[in-house]
């Protein structure tokens, strides 16, 4: 590439530095405000050139920057934030936006920039929808917990789930203070609102998973993987051909156990949790089905549960499921990432 540069992405500005390797000219500055229109106008300086490359970290805001770079015919390189920061070594000087842009540019030129996979647009869209579903699901769960805490604080005995008609009727009969009654009724209205949104999103994800080859293969080939979890696993794993083996996939999920040892001292292992949180949730939810007697992994789950706990047994099954999902998608090849028909 004749022009190699780096972007440091922030909400207010994009700090850039690029080098023309033919003339030796080095330029740096800012694109402000940091939005799609101003970046598109700035990139016009490279119109007609096919020898331009820029790197940026995979932090919040990377999507529109990468899309505009590709639209302008510029090669986009998405750097993995943690590994890119590790290349700096021990801190010896002040860290600035300009220094970050230079850091990306230098390592892109050196060819040792740790890069992340850039998903195609239809994968990004599916990922955004399933993440929205999970956010709303967490919010609804938080309202359930808040109502339960209010009832307990006011001395109401444990009753049926408020998600059922029986539970709703029981709440209407209990004695509550005026403020407590108001808090419960507001919470129930929020739950109803979120349930409507969740039902529509679930139908959308169910339609997508039926027509996308990778999601359909996960649903039909892996016990416990359903409409929502299939889309979550497919979107977060992405192109599994970039992983050399299934062990690397388990490490990517963050379900691998990290161990710190030195000489005769060994700390207890714990989950690394370094991968996508949504992917861990989807694998765990699917693995919970192994508790059923009809599940193919039930014997393995029961043996692990008897040795340890039900939660750790479910995590063990989730690791096995991650490996199987890798092989299922890998066997599909190019078809695994095809857009939904």
C-alpha atoms as a PDB file:
ATOM      1  CA  UNK A   1       0.000   0.000   0.000  1.00  0.00           C
ATOM      2  CA  UNK A   2       1.233   3.485  -0.836  1.00  0.00           C
ATOM      3  CA  UNK A   3      -0.797   5.183   1.890  1.00  0.00           C
ATOM      4  CA  UNK A   4      -1.037   3.552   5.330  1.00  0.00           C
ATOM      5  CA  UNK A   5      -2.834   5.153   8.254  1.00  0.00           C
ATOM      6  CA  UNK A   6      -4.615   4.715  11.542  1.00  0.00           C
ATOM      7  CA  UNK A   7      -7.815   6.073  13.114  1.00  0.00           C
ATOM      8  CA  UNK A   8      -8.440   6.584  16.812  1.00  0.00           C
ATOM      9  CA  UNK A   9     -12.219   6.585  17.164  1.00  0.00           C
ATOM     10  CA  UNK A  10     -14.042   8.715  19.730  1.00  0.00           C
ATOM     11  CA  UNK A  11     -17.558  10.053  19.990  1.00  0.00           C
ATOM     12  CA  UNK A  12     -16.537  13.668  19.298  1.00  0.00           C
ATOM     13  CA  UNK A  13     -13.702  13.255  16.803  1.00  0.00           C
ATOM     14  CA  UNK A  14     -11.695  10.806  14.722  1.00  0.00           C
ATOM     15  CA  UNK A  15      -7.972  11.329  15.128  1.00  0.00           C
ATOM     16  CA  UNK A  16      -5.971  10.179  12.114  1.00  0.00           C
ATOM     17  CA  UNK A  17      -2.402   9.763  10.992  1.00  0.00           C
ATOM     18  CA  UNK A  18      -1.318   8.432   7.610  1.00  0.00           C
ATOM     19  CA  UNK A  19       1.957   8.110   5.733  1.00  0.00           C
ATOM     20  CA  UNK A  20       2.518   8.312   1.996  1.00  0.00           C
ATOM     21  CA  UNK A  21       5.271   5.722   1.590  1.00  0.00           C
ATOM     22  CA  UNK A  22       6.196   7.010  -1.874  1.00  0.00           C
ATOM     23  CA  UNK A  23       6.720  10.675  -0.994  1.00  0.00           C
ATOM     24  CA  UNK A  24       7.468  10.195   2.713  1.00  0.00           C
ATOM     25  CA  UNK A  25       4.780  12.765   3.628  1.00  0.00           C
ATOM     26  CA  UNK A  26       3.214  12.253   7.069  1.00  0.00           C
ATOM     27  CA  UNK A  27      -0.130  13.833   7.870  1.00  0.00           C
ATOM     28  CA  UNK A  28      -2.243  13.860  11.004  1.00  0.00           C
ATOM     29  CA  UNK A  29      -5.287  15.681  12.273  1.00  0.00           C
ATOM     30  CA  UNK A  30      -8.922  15.209  13.247  1.00  0.00           C
ATOM     31  CA  UNK A  31     -12.252  14.616  11.586  1.00  0.00           C
ATOM     32  CA  UNK A  32     -14.834  16.469  13.662  1.00  0.00           C
ATOM     33  CA  UNK A  33     -17.588  15.981  14.435  1.00  0.00           C
ATOM     34  CA  UNK A  34     -17.258  12.216  14.289  1.00  0.00           C
ATOM     35  CA  UNK A  35     -20.142  11.179  12.059  1.00  0.00           C
ATOM     36  CA  UNK A  36     -20.704   9.394   8.782  1.00  0.00           C
ATOM     37  CA  UNK A  37     -21.186  12.525   6.650  1.00  0.00           C
ATOM     38  CA  UNK A  38     -17.975  14.276   7.739  1.00  0.00           C
ATOM     39  CA  UNK A  39     -15.927  11.095   7.412  1.00  0.00           C
ATOM     40  CA  UNK A  40     -17.309  10.493   3.919  1.00  0.00           C
ATOM     41  CA  UNK A  41     -16.357  14.023   2.881  1.00  0.00           C
ATOM     42  CA  UNK A  42     -12.852  13.606   4.324  1.00  0.00           C
ATOM     43  CA  UNK A  43     -12.304  10.336   2.454  1.00  0.00           C
ATOM     44  CA  UNK A  44     -12.887  12.039  -0.911  1.00  0.00           C
ATOM     45  CA  UNK A  45      -9.159  12.877  -0.958  1.00  0.00           C
ATOM     46  CA  UNK A  46      -8.502   9.218  -1.769  1.00  0.00           C
ATOM     47  CA  UNK A  47     -10.972   8.967  -4.664  1.00  0.00           C
ATOM     48  CA  UNK A  48      -9.677   6.872  -7.514  1.00  0.00           C
ATOM     49  CA  UNK A  49      -6.909   5.235  -5.477  1.00  0.00           C
ATOM     50  CA  UNK A  50      -6.750   1.547  -4.652  1.00  0.00           C
ATOM     51  CA  UNK A  51      -3.529   1.619  -2.623  1.00  0.00           C
ATOM     52  CA  UNK A  52      -4.866   3.073   0.653  1.00  0.00           C
ATOM     53  CA  UNK A  53      -5.242   1.169   3.943  1.00  0.00           C
ATOM     54  CA  UNK A  54      -6.358   2.321   7.399  1.00  0.00           C
ATOM     55  CA  UNK A  55      -6.507   0.536  10.748  1.00  0.00           C
ATOM     56  CA  UNK A  56      -8.801   1.205  13.709  1.00  0.00           C
ATOM     57  CA  UNK A  57      -9.600  -0.575  16.946  1.00  0.00           C
ATOM     58  CA  UNK A  58     -12.741  -2.677  17.278  1.00  0.00           C
ATOM     59  CA  UNK A  59     -14.363  -0.410  19.865  1.00  0.00           C
ATOM     60  CA  UNK A  60     -17.771   1.283  19.853  1.00  0.00           C
ATOM     61  CA  UNK A  61     -18.237   3.208  16.609  1.00  0.00           C
ATOM     62  CA  UNK A  62     -16.078   1.001  14.405  1.00  0.00           C
ATOM     63  CA  UNK A  63     -18.945  -0.124  12.194  1.00  0.00           C
ATOM     64  CA  UNK A  64     -19.719   3.131  10.403  1.00  0.00           C
ATOM     65  CA  UNK A  65     -16.006   3.935  10.014  1.00  0.00           C
ATOM     66  CA  UNK A  66     -15.322   0.562   8.376  1.00  0.00           C
ATOM     67  CA  UNK A  67     -18.394   0.893   6.158  1.00  0.00           C
ATOM     68  CA  UNK A  68     -17.286   4.309   4.925  1.00  0.00           C
ATOM     69  CA  UNK A  69     -13.722   3.122   4.336  1.00  0.00           C
ATOM     70  CA  UNK A  70     -14.969   0.203   2.232  1.00  0.00           C
ATOM     71  CA  UNK A  71     -17.380   2.495   0.367  1.00  0.00           C
ATOM     72  CA  UNK A  72     -14.454   4.781  -0.529  1.00  0.00           C
ATOM     73  CA  UNK A  73     -12.373   1.850  -1.756  1.00  0.00           C
ATOM     74  CA  UNK A  74     -10.011   1.986   1.218  1.00  0.00           C
ATOM     75  CA  UNK A  75      -8.773  -1.267   2.772  1.00  0.00           C
ATOM     76  CA  UNK A  76     -10.078  -1.448   6.357  1.00  0.00           C
ATOM     77  CA  UNK A  77      -8.225  -3.340   9.090  1.00  0.00           C
ATOM     78  CA  UNK A  78     -10.040  -3.853  12.405  1.00  0.00           C
ATOM     79  CA  UNK A  79      -7.594  -4.249  15.291  1.00  0.00           C
ATOM     80  CA  UNK A  80      -8.334  -6.373  18.357  1.00  0.00           C
ATOM     81  CA  UNK A  81      -8.237  -3.814  21.234  1.00  0.00           C
ATOM     82  CA  UNK A  82      -6.644  -5.906  23.999  1.00  0.00           C
ATOM     83  CA  UNK A  83      -3.924  -7.464  21.840  1.00  0.00           C
ATOM     84  CA  UNK A  84      -3.211  -4.132  20.163  1.00  0.00           C
ATOM     85  CA  UNK A  85      -2.767  -2.444  23.546  1.00  0.00           C
ATOM     86  CA  UNK A  86      -0.434  -5.239  24.641  1.00  0.00           C
ATOM     87  CA  UNK A  87       1.898  -4.369  21.746  1.00  0.00           C
ATOM     88  CA  UNK A  88       2.755  -1.105  23.520  1.00  0.00           C
ATOM     89  CA  UNK A  89       4.484  -2.959  26.312  1.00  0.00           C
ATOM     90  CA  UNK A  90       5.010  -1.165  29.592  1.00  0.00           C
ATOM     91  CA  UNK A  91       3.836   2.440  29.681  1.00  0.00           C
ATOM     92  CA  UNK A  92       6.737   4.845  29.239  1.00  0.00           C
ATOM     93  CA  UNK A  93       5.036   8.018  28.030  1.00  0.00           C
ATOM     94  CA  UNK A  94       1.679   9.776  27.994  1.00  0.00           C
ATOM     95  CA  UNK A  95      -1.053   8.096  25.978  1.00  0.00           C
ATOM     96  CA  UNK A  96      -2.911  10.431  23.592  1.00  0.00           C
ATOM     97  CA  UNK A  97      -5.295  10.064  20.663  1.00  0.00           C
ATOM     98  CA  UNK A  98      -2.477  11.022  18.296  1.00  0.00           C
ATOM     99  CA  UNK A  99      -0.207   8.372  19.822  1.00  0.00           C
ATOM    100  CA  UNK A 100      -2.968   5.763  19.470  1.00  0.00           C
ATOM    101  CA  UNK A 101      -3.426   6.578  15.762  1.00  0.00           C
ATOM    102  CA  UNK A 102       0.328   6.372  15.227  1.00  0.00           C
ATOM    103  CA  UNK A 103       0.463   3.058  17.108  1.00  0.00           C
ATOM    104  CA  UNK A 104      -2.117   1.534  14.753  1.00  0.00           C
ATOM    105  CA  UNK A 105      -0.405   2.943  11.666  1.00  0.00           C
ATOM    106  CA  UNK A 106       3.043   1.656  12.674  1.00  0.00           C
ATOM    107  CA  UNK A 107       1.883  -1.881  13.368  1.00  0.00           C
ATOM    108  CA  UNK A 108      -0.250  -1.986  10.214  1.00  0.00           C
ATOM    109  CA  UNK A 109       2.862  -1.104   8.224  1.00  0.00           C
ATOM    110  CA  UNK A 110       4.908  -3.675  10.125  1.00  0.00           C
ATOM    111  CA  UNK A 111       2.338  -6.377   9.355  1.00  0.00           C
ATOM    112  CA  UNK A 112       1.933  -7.514  12.972  1.00  0.00           C
ATOM    113  CA  UNK A 113      -1.383  -5.828  13.778  1.00  0.00           C
ATOM    114  CA  UNK A 114      -3.696  -8.300  15.604  1.00  0.00           C
ATOM    115  CA  UNK A 115      -6.837  -8.114  13.477  1.00  0.00           C
ATOM    116  CA  UNK A 116     -10.457  -8.983  14.162  1.00  0.00           C
ATOM    117  CA  UNK A 117     -12.917 -10.413  11.684  1.00  0.00           C
ATOM    118  CA  UNK A 118     -15.163  -7.839   9.972  1.00  0.00           C
ATOM    119  CA  UNK A 119     -18.641  -9.398   9.604  1.00  0.00           C
ATOM    120  CA  UNK A 120     -20.741  -8.745   6.489  1.00  0.00           C
ATOM    121  CA  UNK A 121     -23.707  -6.430   6.846  1.00  0.00           C
ATOM    122  CA  UNK A 122     -26.393  -9.115   7.200  1.00  0.00           C
ATOM    123  CA  UNK A 123     -24.457 -10.707  10.083  1.00  0.00           C
ATOM    124  CA  UNK A 124     -24.101  -7.326  11.801  1.00  0.00           C
ATOM    125  CA  UNK A 125     -27.832  -6.710  11.425  1.00  0.00           C
ATOM    126  CA  UNK A 126     -28.745 -10.103  12.885  1.00  0.00           C
ATOM    127  CA  UNK A 127     -26.272  -9.566  15.724  1.00  0.00           C
ATOM    128  CA  UNK A 128     -27.857  -6.185  16.527  1.00  0.00           C
ATOM    129  CA  UNK A 129     -31.362  -7.690  16.636  1.00  0.00           C
ATOM    130  CA  UNK A 130     -30.440 -10.590  18.915  1.00  0.00           C
ATOM    131  CA  UNK A 131     -28.490  -8.263  21.223  1.00  0.00           C
ATOM    132  CA  UNK A 132     -31.550  -6.029  21.441  1.00  0.00           C
ATOM    133  CA  UNK A 133     -33.612  -9.090  22.369  1.00  0.00           C
ATOM    134  CA  UNK A 134     -31.170  -9.989  25.135  1.00  0.00           C
ATOM    135  CA  UNK A 135     -31.126  -6.411  26.488  1.00  0.00           C
ATOM    136  CA  UNK A 136     -34.931  -6.324  26.689  1.00  0.00           C
ATOM    137  CA  UNK A 137     -34.965  -9.780  28.263  1.00  0.00           C
ATOM    138  CA  UNK A 138     -32.550  -8.597  30.964  1.00  0.00           C
ATOM    139  CA  UNK A 139     -34.643  -5.484  31.551  1.00  0.00           C
ATOM    140  CA  UNK A 140     -37.809  -7.556  31.974  1.00  0.00           C
ATOM    141  CA  UNK A 141     -36.008  -9.837  34.401  1.00  0.00           C
ATOM    142  CA  UNK A 142     -34.866  -6.821  36.388  1.00  0.00           C
ATOM    143  CA  UNK A 143     -38.491  -5.646  36.736  1.00  0.00           C
ATOM    144  CA  UNK A 144     -39.522  -9.106  37.936  1.00  0.00           C
ATOM    145  CA  UNK A 145     -36.806  -8.963  40.584  1.00  0.00           C
ATOM    146  CA  UNK A 146     -37.764  -5.431  41.608  1.00  0.00           C
ATOM    147  CA  UNK A 147     -41.412  -6.407  42.123  1.00  0.00           C
ATOM    148  CA  UNK A 148     -40.391  -9.503  44.088  1.00  0.00           C
ATOM    149  CA  UNK A 149     -38.138  -7.381  46.304  1.00  0.00           C
ATOM    150  CA  UNK A 150     -40.969  -4.884  46.917  1.00  0.00           C
ATOM    151  CA  UNK A 151     -43.376  -7.668  47.894  1.00  0.00           C
ATOM    152  CA  UNK A 152     -40.835  -9.243  50.231  1.00  0.00           C
ATOM    153  CA  UNK A 153     -40.072  -5.866  51.823  1.00  0.00           C
ATOM    154  CA  UNK A 154     -43.788  -5.439  52.567  1.00  0.00           C
ATOM    155  CA  UNK A 155     -44.114  -8.912  54.077  1.00  0.00           C
ATOM    156  CA  UNK A 156     -45.935 -10.663  51.247  1.00  0.00           C
ATOM    157  CA  UNK A 157     -45.351 -14.440  51.208  1.00  0.00           C
ATOM    158  CA  UNK A 158     -43.846 -16.171  48.210  1.00  0.00           C
ATOM    159  CA  UNK A 159     -46.496 -16.724  45.543  1.00  0.00           C
ATOM    160  CA  UNK A 160     -46.838 -17.998  41.990  1.00  0.00           C
ATOM    161  CA  UNK A 161     -44.861 -16.308  39.246  1.00  0.00           C
ATOM    162  CA  UNK A 162     -46.220 -12.906  38.305  1.00  0.00           C
ATOM    163  CA  UNK A 163     -45.829 -13.961  34.661  1.00  0.00           C
ATOM    164  CA  UNK A 164     -48.892 -16.207  35.088  1.00  0.00           C
ATOM    165  CA  UNK A 165     -52.533 -15.248  35.493  1.00  0.00           C
ATOM    166  CA  UNK A 166     -52.576 -16.960  38.886  1.00  0.00           C
ATOM    167  CA  UNK A 167     -49.656 -14.857  40.090  1.00  0.00           C
ATOM    168  CA  UNK A 168     -51.229 -11.617  38.812  1.00  0.00           C
ATOM    169  CA  UNK A 169     -54.494 -12.440  40.621  1.00  0.00           C
ATOM    170  CA  UNK A 170     -52.615 -13.199  43.847  1.00  0.00           C
ATOM    171  CA  UNK A 171     -50.833  -9.842  43.716  1.00  0.00           C
ATOM    172  CA  UNK A 172     -54.190  -8.082  43.405  1.00  0.00           C
ATOM    173  CA  UNK A 173     -55.402  -9.718  46.634  1.00  0.00           C
ATOM    174  CA  UNK A 174     -52.417  -9.010  48.919  1.00  0.00           C
ATOM    175  CA  UNK A 175     -52.266  -6.090  51.331  1.00  0.00           C
ATOM    176  CA  UNK A 176     -49.818  -3.403  50.214  1.00  0.00           C
ATOM    177  CA  UNK A 177     -49.104   0.183  51.158  1.00  0.00           C
ATOM    178  CA  UNK A 178     -50.228   2.824  48.599  1.00  0.00           C
ATOM    179  CA  UNK A 179     -46.636   3.435  47.456  1.00  0.00           C
ATOM    180  CA  UNK A 180     -45.950  -0.302  47.343  1.00  0.00           C
ATOM    181  CA  UNK A 181     -49.075  -0.926  45.274  1.00  0.00           C
ATOM    182  CA  UNK A 182     -48.023   1.844  42.889  1.00  0.00           C
ATOM    183  CA  UNK A 183     -44.522   0.387  42.515  1.00  0.00           C
ATOM    184  CA  UNK A 184     -45.918  -3.083  41.758  1.00  0.00           C
ATOM    185  CA  UNK A 185     -48.466  -1.829  39.221  1.00  0.00           C
ATOM    186  CA  UNK A 186     -45.848   0.279  37.415  1.00  0.00           C
ATOM    187  CA  UNK A 187     -43.537  -2.732  37.315  1.00  0.00           C
ATOM    188  CA  UNK A 188     -46.251  -4.979  35.892  1.00  0.00           C
ATOM    189  CA  UNK A 189     -47.026  -2.452  33.160  1.00  0.00           C
ATOM    190  CA  UNK A 190     -43.327  -2.327  32.229  1.00  0.00           C
ATOM    191  CA  UNK A 191     -43.229  -6.136  32.088  1.00  0.00           C
ATOM    192  CA  UNK A 192     -46.262  -6.188  29.788  1.00  0.00           C
ATOM    193  CA  UNK A 193     -44.693  -3.545  27.533  1.00  0.00           C
ATOM    194  CA  UNK A 194     -41.431  -5.458  27.296  1.00  0.00           C
ATOM    195  CA  UNK A 195     -43.229  -8.735  26.667  1.00  0.00           C
ATOM    196  CA  UNK A 196     -44.937  -7.266  23.593  1.00  0.00           C
ATOM    197  CA  UNK A 197     -41.567  -6.099  22.226  1.00  0.00           C
ATOM    198  CA  UNK A 198     -39.926  -9.438  23.016  1.00  0.00           C
ATOM    199  CA  UNK A 199     -42.669 -11.454  21.329  1.00  0.00           C
ATOM    200  CA  UNK A 200     -42.268  -9.475  18.106  1.00  0.00           C
ATOM    201  CA  UNK A 201     -38.475  -9.788  18.168  1.00  0.00           C
ATOM    202  CA  UNK A 202     -38.732 -13.502  18.850  1.00  0.00           C
ATOM    203  CA  UNK A 203     -40.996 -13.971  15.836  1.00  0.00           C
ATOM    204  CA  UNK A 204     -38.523 -12.016  13.712  1.00  0.00           C
ATOM    205  CA  UNK A 205     -35.588 -14.130  14.908  1.00  0.00           C
ATOM    206  CA  UNK A 206     -37.591 -17.327  14.415  1.00  0.00           C
ATOM    207  CA  UNK A 207     -38.272 -16.408  10.777  1.00  0.00           C
ATOM    208  CA  UNK A 208     -34.612 -15.568  10.229  1.00  0.00           C
ATOM    209  CA  UNK A 209     -33.366 -18.811  11.781  1.00  0.00           C
ATOM    210  CA  UNK A 210     -35.679 -20.850   9.540  1.00  0.00           C
ATOM    211  CA  UNK A 211     -34.335 -19.312   6.334  1.00  0.00           C
ATOM    212  CA  UNK A 212     -30.622 -18.835   7.135  1.00  0.00           C
ATOM    213  CA  UNK A 213     -28.638 -22.032   6.383  1.00  0.00           C
ATOM    214  CA  UNK A 214     -26.218 -21.776   9.316  1.00  0.00           C
ATOM    215  CA  UNK A 215     -28.945 -21.078  11.880  1.00  0.00           C
ATOM    216  CA  UNK A 216     -31.140 -23.809  10.429  1.00  0.00           C
ATOM    217  CA  UNK A 217     -28.289 -26.327  10.693  1.00  0.00           C
ATOM    218  CA  UNK A 218     -27.698 -25.396  14.333  1.00  0.00           C
ATOM    219  CA  UNK A 219     -31.390 -25.723  15.198  1.00  0.00           C
ATOM    220  CA  UNK A 220     -31.817 -29.090  13.547  1.00  0.00           C
ATOM    221  CA  UNK A 221     -28.437 -30.578  14.437  1.00  0.00           C
ATOM    222  CA  UNK A 222     -27.826 -29.465  18.025  1.00  0.00           C
ATOM    223  CA  UNK A 223     -30.158 -30.463  20.850  1.00  0.00           C
ATOM    224  CA  UNK A 224     -31.266 -27.447  22.912  1.00  0.00           C
ATOM    225  CA  UNK A 225     -30.489 -24.800  20.282  1.00  0.00           C
ATOM    226  CA  UNK A 226     -33.659 -22.879  19.457  1.00  0.00           C
ATOM    227  CA  UNK A 227     -34.723 -19.907  17.316  1.00  0.00           C
ATOM    228  CA  UNK A 228     -33.068 -17.182  19.398  1.00  0.00           C
ATOM    229  CA  UNK A 229     -29.981 -19.073  20.558  1.00  0.00           C
ATOM    230  CA  UNK A 230     -29.235 -20.318  17.024  1.00  0.00           C
ATOM    231  CA  UNK A 231     -29.089 -16.748  15.711  1.00  0.00           C
ATOM    232  CA  UNK A 232     -27.004 -15.627  18.688  1.00  0.00           C
ATOM    233  CA  UNK A 233     -24.472 -18.453  18.267  1.00  0.00           C
ATOM    234  CA  UNK A 234     -24.310 -18.022  14.486  1.00  0.00           C
ATOM    235  CA  UNK A 235     -23.929 -14.234  14.595  1.00  0.00           C
ATOM    236  CA  UNK A 236     -21.343 -14.170  17.381  1.00  0.00           C
ATOM    237  CA  UNK A 237     -19.217 -17.032  16.041  1.00  0.00           C
ATOM    238  CA  UNK A 238     -19.309 -15.633  12.516  1.00  0.00           C
ATOM    239  CA  UNK A 239     -16.966 -17.222   9.990  1.00  0.00           C
ATOM    240  CA  UNK A 240     -15.681 -20.212  11.965  1.00  0.00           C
ATOM    241  CA  UNK A 241     -13.100 -20.969   9.263  1.00  0.00           C
ATOM    242  CA  UNK A 242     -10.913 -18.312  10.841  1.00  0.00           C
ATOM    243  CA  UNK A 243     -10.487 -20.608  13.877  1.00  0.00           C
ATOM    244  CA  UNK A 244      -7.874 -23.364  13.450  1.00  0.00           C
ATOM    245  CA  UNK A 245      -9.778 -25.849  15.651  1.00  0.00           C
ATOM    246  CA  UNK A 246     -12.647 -26.240  18.103  1.00  0.00           C
ATOM    247  CA  UNK A 247     -10.398 -25.588  21.111  1.00  0.00           C
ATOM    248  CA  UNK A 248      -9.812 -22.062  19.829  1.00  0.00           C
ATOM    249  CA  UNK A 249     -13.582 -21.611  19.565  1.00  0.00           C
ATOM    250  CA  UNK A 250     -14.028 -22.550  23.226  1.00  0.00           C
ATOM    251  CA  UNK A 251     -11.374 -19.992  24.088  1.00  0.00           C
ATOM    252  CA  UNK A 252     -13.195 -17.411  21.969  1.00  0.00           C
ATOM    253  CA  UNK A 253     -16.421 -18.000  23.906  1.00  0.00           C
ATOM    254  CA  UNK A 254     -14.752 -17.208  27.232  1.00  0.00           C
ATOM    255  CA  UNK A 255     -15.901 -20.540  28.687  1.00  0.00           C
ATOM    256  CA  UNK A 256     -12.338 -21.832  28.992  1.00  0.00           C
ATOM    257  CA  UNK A 257     -10.813 -22.156  32.448  1.00  0.00           C
ATOM    258  CA  UNK A 258      -7.763 -20.023  33.197  1.00  0.00           C
ATOM    259  CA  UNK A 259      -5.193 -21.292  35.674  1.00  0.00           C
ATOM    260  CA  UNK A 260      -2.365 -19.326  37.298  1.00  0.00           C
ATOM    261  CA  UNK A 261       0.493 -21.441  38.624  1.00  0.00           C
ATOM    262  CA  UNK A 262       4.083 -20.849  39.661  1.00  0.00           C
ATOM    263  CA  UNK A 263       6.396 -23.464  41.171  1.00  0.00           C
ATOM    264  CA  UNK A 264       4.209 -25.364  43.695  1.00  0.00           C
ATOM    265  CA  UNK A 265       1.599 -22.606  43.996  1.00  0.00           C
ATOM    266  CA  UNK A 266      -1.549 -22.969  41.931  1.00  0.00           C
ATOM    267  CA  UNK A 267      -4.566 -20.656  42.062  1.00  0.00           C
ATOM    268  CA  UNK A 268      -8.032 -22.054  41.535  1.00  0.00           C
ATOM    269  CA  UNK A 269      -9.178 -21.905  37.930  1.00  0.00           C
ATOM    270  CA  UNK A 270     -11.986 -19.643  36.807  1.00  0.00           C
ATOM    271  CA  UNK A 271     -13.753 -18.806  33.542  1.00  0.00           C
ATOM    272  CA  UNK A 272     -11.848 -16.319  31.419  1.00  0.00           C
ATOM    273  CA  UNK A 273     -15.040 -14.525  30.251  1.00  0.00           C
ATOM    274  CA  UNK A 274     -12.996 -12.889  27.492  1.00  0.00           C
ATOM    275  CA  UNK A 275     -15.375 -13.641  24.632  1.00  0.00           C
ATOM    276  CA  UNK A 276     -18.775 -12.247  23.602  1.00  0.00           C
ATOM    277  CA  UNK A 277     -21.151 -12.262  26.572  1.00  0.00           C
ATOM    278  CA  UNK A 278     -24.127 -12.979  24.308  1.00  0.00           C
ATOM    279  CA  UNK A 279     -22.411 -16.096  22.951  1.00  0.00           C
ATOM    280  CA  UNK A 280     -21.813 -17.457  26.469  1.00  0.00           C
ATOM    281  CA  UNK A 281     -25.440 -16.798  27.369  1.00  0.00           C
ATOM    282  CA  UNK A 282     -26.759 -18.583  24.272  1.00  0.00           C
ATOM    283  CA  UNK A 283     -24.527 -21.629  24.784  1.00  0.00           C
ATOM    284  CA  UNK A 284     -25.439 -21.806  28.475  1.00  0.00           C
ATOM    285  CA  UNK A 285     -29.180 -21.544  27.754  1.00  0.00           C
ATOM    286  CA  UNK A 286     -28.915 -24.299  25.164  1.00  0.00           C
ATOM    287  CA  UNK A 287     -26.797 -26.462  27.478  1.00  0.00           C
ATOM    288  CA  UNK A 288     -29.414 -26.228  30.252  1.00  0.00           C
ATOM    289  CA  UNK A 289     -31.551 -28.572  28.147  1.00  0.00           C
ATOM    290  CA  UNK A 290     -29.055 -31.346  28.966  1.00  0.00           C
ATOM    291  CA  UNK A 291     -30.811 -31.662  32.335  1.00  0.00           C
ATOM    292  CA  UNK A 292     -33.695 -33.353  30.489  1.00  0.00           C
ATOM    293  CA  UNK A 293     -33.666 -37.119  30.535  1.00  0.00           C
ATOM    294  CA  UNK A 294     -34.144 -37.212  26.741  1.00  0.00           C
ATOM    295  CA  UNK A 295     -31.070 -35.061  26.039  1.00  0.00           C
ATOM    296  CA  UNK A 296     -28.136 -36.820  24.334  1.00  0.00           C
ATOM    297  CA  UNK A 297     -25.746 -35.283  26.881  1.00  0.00           C
ATOM    298  CA  UNK A 298     -27.862 -36.148  29.906  1.00  0.00           C
ATOM    299  CA  UNK A 299     -25.541 -38.890  31.174  1.00  0.00           C
ATOM    300  CA  UNK A 300     -22.527 -36.599  30.862  1.00  0.00           C
ATOM    301  CA  UNK A 301     -24.444 -33.781  32.561  1.00  0.00           C
ATOM    302  CA  UNK A 302     -25.582 -36.017  35.424  1.00  0.00           C
ATOM    303  CA  UNK A 303     -22.062 -37.367  36.011  1.00  0.00           C
ATOM    304  CA  UNK A 304     -20.625 -33.821  36.084  1.00  0.00           C
ATOM    305  CA  UNK A 305     -23.421 -32.621  38.343  1.00  0.00           C
ATOM    306  CA  UNK A 306     -22.831 -35.452  40.811  1.00  0.00           C
ATOM    307  CA  UNK A 307     -19.124 -34.622  41.004  1.00  0.00           C
ATOM    308  CA  UNK A 308     -19.584 -30.838  41.273  1.00  0.00           C
ATOM    309  CA  UNK A 309     -22.710 -28.683  40.851  1.00  0.00           C
ATOM    310  CA  UNK A 310     -25.498 -28.297  38.315  1.00  0.00           C
ATOM    311  CA  UNK A 311     -24.128 -24.932  37.174  1.00  0.00           C
ATOM    312  CA  UNK A 312     -20.632 -26.267  36.504  1.00  0.00           C
ATOM    313  CA  UNK A 313     -22.113 -29.281  34.748  1.00  0.00           C
ATOM    314  CA  UNK A 314     -24.084 -26.968  32.451  1.00  0.00           C
ATOM    315  CA  UNK A 315     -20.915 -25.019  31.634  1.00  0.00           C
ATOM    316  CA  UNK A 316     -19.175 -28.278  30.737  1.00  0.00           C
ATOM    317  CA  UNK A 317     -21.998 -29.163  28.357  1.00  0.00           C
ATOM    318  CA  UNK A 318     -21.832 -25.630  26.912  1.00  0.00           C
ATOM    319  CA  UNK A 319     -18.189 -26.214  26.001  1.00  0.00           C
ATOM    320  CA  UNK A 320     -19.091 -29.437  24.212  1.00  0.00           C
ATOM    321  CA  UNK A 321     -21.891 -27.602  22.424  1.00  0.00           C
ATOM    322  CA  UNK A 322     -19.500 -24.853  21.293  1.00  0.00           C
ATOM    323  CA  UNK A 323     -17.248 -27.471  19.703  1.00  0.00           C
ATOM    324  CA  UNK A 324     -20.199 -29.102  17.908  1.00  0.00           C
ATOM    325  CA  UNK A 325     -21.483 -25.765  16.623  1.00  0.00           C
ATOM    326  CA  UNK A 326     -18.026 -25.066  15.232  1.00  0.00           C
ATOM    327  CA  UNK A 327     -17.983 -28.340  13.306  1.00  0.00           C
ATOM    328  CA  UNK A 328     -21.567 -27.885  12.088  1.00  0.00           C
ATOM    329  CA  UNK A 329     -20.846 -24.430  10.658  1.00  0.00           C
ATOM    330  CA  UNK A 330     -17.404 -25.407   9.389  1.00  0.00           C
ATOM    331  CA  UNK A 331     -18.850 -28.304   7.392  1.00  0.00           C
ATOM    332  CA  UNK A 332     -21.294 -25.928   5.669  1.00  0.00           C
ATOM    333  CA  UNK A 333     -18.438 -23.806   4.344  1.00  0.00           C
ATOM    334  CA  UNK A 334     -19.494 -20.682   2.450  1.00  0.00           C
ATOM    335  CA  UNK A 335     -23.168 -21.556   2.845  1.00  0.00           C
ATOM    336  CA  UNK A 336     -22.984 -21.068   6.628  1.00  0.00           C
ATOM    337  CA  UNK A 337     -22.718 -17.286   6.212  1.00  0.00           C
ATOM    338  CA  UNK A 338     -25.181 -16.915   3.345  1.00  0.00           C
ATOM    339  CA  UNK A 339     -27.922 -14.307   3.809  1.00  0.00           C
ATOM    340  CA  UNK A 340     -31.356 -15.590   4.774  1.00  0.00           C
ATOM    341  CA  UNK A 341     -33.378 -16.629   1.727  1.00  0.00           C
END
